[in-house]
Amino acid sequence: MKNLFIITIMILSLHAQNNSSNESNISTESNTSLETNTTSETNNTKVDKVSKVEKQLQKQIEREKKFAREQTFYQGEEYDLGYAEVNPDSIDSVPLLEPDYDFEMDDVYD
């Protein structure tokens, strides 16, 4: 059982090493293919990237504005809630409600 475990670990480590060498070969091939693009294509892609970034920035700015509005609401600094405060002296005059423990389930099953 131990031998099987050790063999499995060795195979997995060899597989991981092969994958990392393959990825480095692929990345160098993609770098050389990118260098062969014409300048007009790269300029168009740069413009597209800039417009996408600007759109994302505008979306994020709107999210931040919405978050700021929500935070002022949740913090409640602008609201006067004094009218909803309870007078502690008036709590004694409220009657205490006792729970009804005489409930029988027999009527439910009939």
N, C-alpha and C. Protein backbone atom coordinates (compact mmCIF):
# COMPACT_ATOMS: atom_id res chain seq x y z
N MET A 1 0.83 -1.19 0.00
CA MET A 1 0.00 0.00 0.00
C MET A 1 0.87 1.25 0.00
N LYS A 2 1.94 1.24 0.82
CA LYS A 2 2.84 2.38 0.85
C LYS A 2 3.54 2.57 -0.49
N ASN A 3 3.91 1.45 -1.11
CA ASN A 3 4.58 1.53 -2.41
C ASN A 3 3.67 2.15 -3.46
N LEU A 4 2.41 1.80 -3.44
CA LEU A 4 1.45 2.37 -4.39
C LEU A 4 1.32 3.87 -4.18
N PHE A 5 1.29 4.29 -2.95
CA PHE A 5 1.18 5.71 -2.62
C PHE A 5 2.42 6.46 -3.10
N ILE A 6 3.58 5.91 -2.88
CA ILE A 6 4.84 6.55 -3.29
C ILE A 6 4.91 6.64 -4.81
N ILE A 7 4.51 5.59 -5.49
CA ILE A 7 4.53 5.59 -6.96
C ILE A 7 3.56 6.64 -7.50
N THR A 8 2.42 6.75 -6.89
CA THR A 8 1.43 7.74 -7.33
C THR A 8 1.98 9.15 -7.17
N ILE A 9 2.63 9.43 -6.08
CA ILE A 9 3.21 10.76 -5.85
C ILE A 9 4.30 11.04 -6.87
N MET A 10 5.12 10.05 -7.18
CA MET A 10 6.19 10.24 -8.16
C MET A 10 5.62 10.54 -9.54
N ILE A 11 4.56 9.82 -9.92
CA ILE A 11 3.95 10.04 -11.24
C ILE A 11 3.33 11.44 -11.31
N LEU A 12 2.68 11.84 -10.24
CA LEU A 12 2.07 13.17 -10.22
C LEU A 12 3.12 14.27 -10.30
N SER A 13 4.25 14.10 -9.63
CA SER A 13 5.30 15.12 -9.69
C SER A 13 5.91 15.20 -11.08
N LEU A 14 6.11 14.06 -11.74
CA LEU A 14 6.63 14.07 -13.11
C LEU A 14 5.64 14.73 -14.06
N HIS A 15 4.38 14.45 -13.87
CA HIS A 15 3.34 15.07 -14.70
C HIS A 15 3.31 16.58 -14.52
N ALA A 16 3.46 17.04 -13.29
CA ALA A 16 3.48 18.48 -13.02
C ALA A 16 4.69 19.14 -13.67
N GLN A 17 5.84 18.49 -13.64
CA GLN A 17 7.04 19.04 -14.27
C GLN A 17 6.86 19.14 -15.79
N ASN A 18 6.25 18.16 -16.40
CA ASN A 18 6.02 18.18 -17.84
C ASN A 18 5.06 19.30 -18.21
N ASN A 19 4.03 19.51 -17.40
CA ASN A 19 3.07 20.58 -17.68
C ASN A 19 3.72 21.95 -17.60
N SER A 20 4.59 22.15 -16.63
CA SER A 20 5.23 23.46 -16.50
C SER A 20 6.17 23.74 -17.66
N SER A 21 6.87 22.73 -18.18
CA SER A 21 7.75 22.95 -19.33
C SER A 21 6.93 23.20 -20.59
N ASN A 22 5.79 22.54 -20.74
CA ASN A 22 4.92 22.78 -21.89
C ASN A 22 4.34 24.19 -21.87
N GLU A 23 3.98 24.67 -20.70
CA GLU A 23 3.42 26.02 -20.59
C GLU A 23 4.46 27.07 -20.95
N SER A 24 5.72 26.87 -20.59
CA SER A 24 6.75 27.84 -20.94
C SER A 24 6.98 27.86 -22.44
N ASN A 25 6.92 26.70 -23.10
CA ASN A 25 7.06 26.65 -24.55
C ASN A 25 5.91 27.36 -25.24
N ILE A 26 4.71 27.17 -24.74
CA ILE A 26 3.54 27.81 -25.33
C ILE A 26 3.62 29.32 -25.17
N SER A 27 4.07 29.80 -24.02
CA SER A 27 4.14 31.24 -23.79
C SER A 27 5.18 31.90 -24.70
N THR A 28 6.30 31.24 -24.97
CA THR A 28 7.29 31.83 -25.87
C THR A 28 6.79 31.85 -27.30
N GLU A 29 6.02 30.83 -27.71
CA GLU A 29 5.45 30.82 -29.05
C GLU A 29 4.42 31.93 -29.20
N SER A 30 3.62 32.16 -28.18
CA SER A 30 2.60 33.21 -28.27
C SER A 30 3.25 34.59 -28.29
N ASN A 31 4.37 34.76 -27.58
CA ASN A 31 5.07 36.05 -27.59
C ASN A 31 5.61 36.36 -28.99
N THR A 32 6.16 35.36 -29.67
CA THR A 32 6.70 35.61 -31.02
C THR A 32 5.58 35.90 -32.00
N SER A 33 4.43 35.26 -31.84
CA SER A 33 3.32 35.53 -32.76
C SER A 33 2.74 36.91 -32.53
N LEU A 34 2.78 37.40 -31.31
CA LEU A 34 2.27 38.74 -31.02
C LEU A 34 3.15 39.82 -31.63
N GLU A 35 4.43 39.57 -31.72
CA GLU A 35 5.35 40.55 -32.28
C GLU A 35 5.15 40.76 -33.77
N THR A 36 4.55 39.78 -34.45
CA THR A 36 4.36 39.88 -35.89
C THR A 36 3.14 40.69 -36.29
N ASN A 37 2.32 41.12 -35.36
CA ASN A 37 1.14 41.94 -35.68
C ASN A 37 1.56 43.26 -36.27
N THR A 38 0.71 43.83 -37.09
CA THR A 38 1.00 45.14 -37.66
C THR A 38 0.69 46.22 -36.65
N THR A 39 1.23 47.40 -36.88
CA THR A 39 1.04 48.50 -35.92
C THR A 39 -0.39 49.00 -35.91
N SER A 40 -1.08 48.95 -37.05
CA SER A 40 -2.46 49.42 -37.09
C SER A 40 -3.36 48.53 -36.24
N GLU A 41 -3.11 47.22 -36.26
CA GLU A 41 -3.90 46.31 -35.44
C GLU A 41 -3.64 46.55 -33.97
N THR A 42 -2.38 46.80 -33.61
CA THR A 42 -2.08 47.04 -32.20
C THR A 42 -2.67 48.35 -31.74
N ASN A 43 -2.70 49.36 -32.62
CA ASN A 43 -3.30 50.64 -32.25
C ASN A 43 -4.79 50.48 -32.03
N ASN A 44 -5.45 49.71 -32.88
CA ASN A 44 -6.88 49.46 -32.72
C ASN A 44 -7.17 48.73 -31.41
N THR A 45 -6.34 47.75 -31.09
CA THR A 45 -6.56 47.02 -29.85
C THR A 45 -6.30 47.90 -28.64
N LYS A 46 -5.33 48.81 -28.76
CA LYS A 46 -5.07 49.73 -27.65
C LYS A 46 -6.25 50.66 -27.44
N VAL A 47 -6.83 51.15 -28.52
CA VAL A 47 -7.99 52.03 -28.42
C VAL A 47 -9.16 51.28 -27.81
N ASP A 48 -9.36 50.03 -28.24
CA ASP A 48 -10.44 49.22 -27.68
C ASP A 48 -10.23 48.98 -26.19
N LYS A 49 -8.99 48.70 -25.82
CA LYS A 49 -8.69 48.47 -24.40
C LYS A 49 -8.94 49.72 -23.59
N VAL A 50 -8.55 50.88 -24.13
CA VAL A 50 -8.74 52.14 -23.41
C VAL A 50 -10.23 52.42 -23.24
N SER A 51 -11.03 52.19 -24.28
CA SER A 51 -12.46 52.44 -24.17
C SER A 51 -13.10 51.47 -23.17
N LYS A 52 -12.64 50.23 -23.16
CA LYS A 52 -13.17 49.27 -22.18
C LYS A 52 -12.82 49.69 -20.77
N VAL A 53 -11.60 50.16 -20.59
CA VAL A 53 -11.17 50.60 -19.26
C VAL A 53 -11.99 51.80 -18.82
N GLU A 54 -12.24 52.74 -19.74
CA GLU A 54 -13.04 53.91 -19.39
C GLU A 54 -14.47 53.52 -19.02
N LYS A 55 -15.04 52.56 -19.74
CA LYS A 55 -16.39 52.08 -19.40
C LYS A 55 -16.40 51.43 -18.03
N GLN A 56 -15.39 50.63 -17.75
CA GLN A 56 -15.32 49.98 -16.45
C GLN A 56 -15.14 51.01 -15.34
N LEU A 57 -14.34 52.04 -15.61
CA LEU A 57 -14.17 53.10 -14.61
C LEU A 57 -15.48 53.82 -14.35
N GLN A 58 -16.23 54.13 -15.39
CA GLN A 58 -17.52 54.80 -15.21
C GLN A 58 -18.48 53.94 -14.40
N LYS A 59 -18.50 52.64 -14.67
CA LYS A 59 -19.35 51.73 -13.90
C LYS A 59 -18.94 51.71 -12.43
N GLN A 60 -17.63 51.68 -12.19
CA GLN A 60 -17.16 51.64 -10.81
C GLN A 60 -17.46 52.95 -10.10
N ILE A 61 -17.37 54.07 -10.80
CA ILE A 61 -17.69 55.37 -10.20
C ILE A 61 -19.16 55.40 -9.81
N GLU A 62 -20.03 54.88 -10.66
CA GLU A 62 -21.46 54.83 -10.33
C GLU A 62 -21.71 53.93 -9.12
N ARG A 63 -21.00 52.81 -9.04
CA ARG A 63 -21.14 51.93 -7.87
C ARG A 63 -20.70 52.63 -6.60
N GLU A 64 -19.61 53.38 -6.69
CA GLU A 64 -19.12 54.10 -5.51
C GLU A 64 -20.11 55.17 -5.07
N LYS A 65 -20.72 55.87 -6.02
CA LYS A 65 -21.72 56.88 -5.68
C LYS A 65 -22.92 56.23 -4.99
N LYS A 66 -23.37 55.11 -5.52
CA LYS A 66 -24.49 54.39 -4.92
C LYS A 66 -24.14 53.93 -3.51
N PHE A 67 -22.93 53.43 -3.34
CA PHE A 67 -22.48 52.98 -2.03
C PHE A 67 -22.45 54.14 -1.03
N ALA A 68 -22.00 55.31 -1.48
CA ALA A 68 -21.94 56.47 -0.60
C ALA A 68 -23.34 56.89 -0.18
N ARG A 69 -24.30 56.87 -1.11
CA ARG A 69 -25.69 57.22 -0.76
C ARG A 69 -26.25 56.23 0.25
N GLU A 70 -25.99 54.94 0.03
CA GLU A 70 -26.50 53.93 0.94
C GLU A 70 -25.88 54.06 2.32
N GLN A 71 -24.61 54.37 2.39
CA GLN A 71 -23.94 54.49 3.68
C GLN A 71 -24.50 55.65 4.49
N THR A 72 -24.80 56.78 3.84
CA THR A 72 -25.39 57.89 4.59
C THR A 72 -26.77 57.50 5.11
N PHE A 73 -27.49 56.67 4.36
CA PHE A 73 -28.80 56.22 4.83
C PHE A 73 -28.65 55.27 6.01
N TYR A 74 -27.74 54.30 5.89
CA TYR A 74 -27.59 53.30 6.94
C TYR A 74 -27.00 53.88 8.22
N GLN A 75 -26.15 54.87 8.11
CA GLN A 75 -25.55 55.46 9.31
C GLN A 75 -26.56 56.32 10.04
N GLY A 76 -27.48 56.94 9.35
CA GLY A 76 -28.56 57.69 9.99
C GLY A 76 -28.12 58.96 10.67
N GLU A 77 -27.01 59.53 10.28
CA GLU A 77 -26.53 60.75 10.92
C GLU A 77 -27.42 61.95 10.60
N GLU A 78 -28.11 61.92 9.47
CA GLU A 78 -28.94 63.05 9.05
C GLU A 78 -30.36 62.96 9.58
N TYR A 79 -30.70 61.89 10.26
CA TYR A 79 -32.07 61.67 10.68
C TYR A 79 -32.21 61.91 12.18
N ASP A 80 -33.34 62.52 12.57
CA ASP A 80 -33.65 62.74 13.98
C ASP A 80 -34.65 61.68 14.41
N LEU A 81 -34.19 60.71 15.17
CA LEU A 81 -35.04 59.62 15.62
C LEU A 81 -35.46 59.77 17.08
N GLY A 82 -35.36 60.97 17.59
CA GLY A 82 -35.70 61.22 18.99
C GLY A 82 -37.17 60.98 19.29
N TYR A 83 -38.05 61.15 18.30
CA TYR A 83 -39.47 60.95 18.53
C TYR A 83 -39.79 59.48 18.81
N ALA A 84 -38.94 58.56 18.43
CA ALA A 84 -39.20 57.13 18.60
C ALA A 84 -38.60 56.58 19.89
N GLU A 85 -37.94 57.41 20.67
CA GLU A 85 -37.35 56.92 21.92
C GLU A 85 -38.45 56.63 22.94
N VAL A 86 -38.20 55.62 23.76
CA VAL A 86 -39.17 55.19 24.77
C VAL A 86 -38.75 55.75 26.12
N ASN A 87 -39.72 56.29 26.84
CA ASN A 87 -39.47 56.79 28.18
C ASN A 87 -39.34 55.59 29.12
N PRO A 88 -38.21 55.44 29.81
CA PRO A 88 -38.04 54.27 30.69
C PRO A 88 -39.04 54.23 31.85
N ASP A 89 -39.56 55.37 32.26
CA ASP A 89 -40.53 55.38 33.36
C ASP A 89 -41.88 54.79 32.93
N SER A 90 -42.20 54.89 31.64
CA SER A 90 -43.48 54.39 31.17
C SER A 90 -43.48 52.88 30.97
N ILE A 91 -42.33 52.25 31.01
CA ILE A 91 -42.27 50.79 30.81
C ILE A 91 -42.94 50.06 31.97
N ASP A 92 -42.90 50.61 33.17
CA ASP A 92 -43.52 49.96 34.32
C ASP A 92 -45.04 49.87 34.17
N SER A 93 -45.65 50.77 33.44
CA SER A 93 -47.11 50.77 33.30
C SER A 93 -47.60 49.78 32.24
N VAL A 94 -46.71 49.18 31.49
CA VAL A 94 -47.12 48.20 30.48
C VAL A 94 -47.38 46.87 31.17
N PRO A 95 -48.56 46.27 30.95
CA PRO A 95 -48.88 45.00 31.64
C PRO A 95 -48.03 43.86 31.07
N LEU A 96 -47.70 42.93 31.95
CA LEU A 96 -46.91 41.77 31.57
C LEU A 96 -47.83 40.71 30.99
N LEU A 97 -47.54 40.22 29.82
CA LEU A 97 -48.36 39.19 29.17
C LEU A 97 -47.79 37.82 29.49
N GLU A 98 -48.63 36.98 30.07
CA GLU A 98 -48.22 35.62 30.41
C GLU A 98 -48.50 34.70 29.22
N PRO A 99 -47.60 33.79 28.93
CA PRO A 99 -47.85 32.86 27.82
C PRO A 99 -48.93 31.85 28.20
N ASP A 100 -49.65 31.37 27.20
CA ASP A 100 -50.71 30.40 27.42
C ASP A 100 -50.13 29.00 27.26
N TYR A 101 -49.89 28.34 28.41
CA TYR A 101 -49.31 27.00 28.39
C TYR A 101 -50.37 25.91 28.37
N ASP A 102 -51.64 26.25 28.29
CA ASP A 102 -52.71 25.26 28.35
C ASP A 102 -53.11 24.76 26.97
N PHE A 103 -52.27 24.89 26.02
CA PHE A 103 -52.58 24.45 24.67
C PHE A 103 -52.47 22.94 24.57
N GLU A 104 -53.51 22.31 24.04
CA GLU A 104 -53.50 20.86 23.89
C GLU A 104 -53.51 20.50 22.41
N MET A 105 -52.69 19.56 22.04
CA MET A 105 -52.59 19.14 20.64
C MET A 105 -53.62 18.08 20.28
N ASP A 106 -54.38 17.60 21.25
CA ASP A 106 -55.37 16.54 20.97
C ASP A 106 -56.42 17.01 19.99
N ASP A 107 -56.82 18.26 20.06
CA ASP A 107 -57.86 18.77 19.15
C ASP A 107 -57.35 18.82 17.71
N VAL A 108 -56.06 18.96 17.51
CA VAL A 108 -55.50 19.06 16.18
C VAL A 108 -55.60 17.72 15.45
N TYR A 109 -55.42 16.62 16.16
CA TYR A 109 -55.39 15.31 15.54
C TYR A 109 -56.77 14.67 15.38
N ASP A 110 -57.80 15.32 15.83
CA ASP A 110 -59.16 14.75 15.72
C ASP A 110 -59.72 14.90 14.34
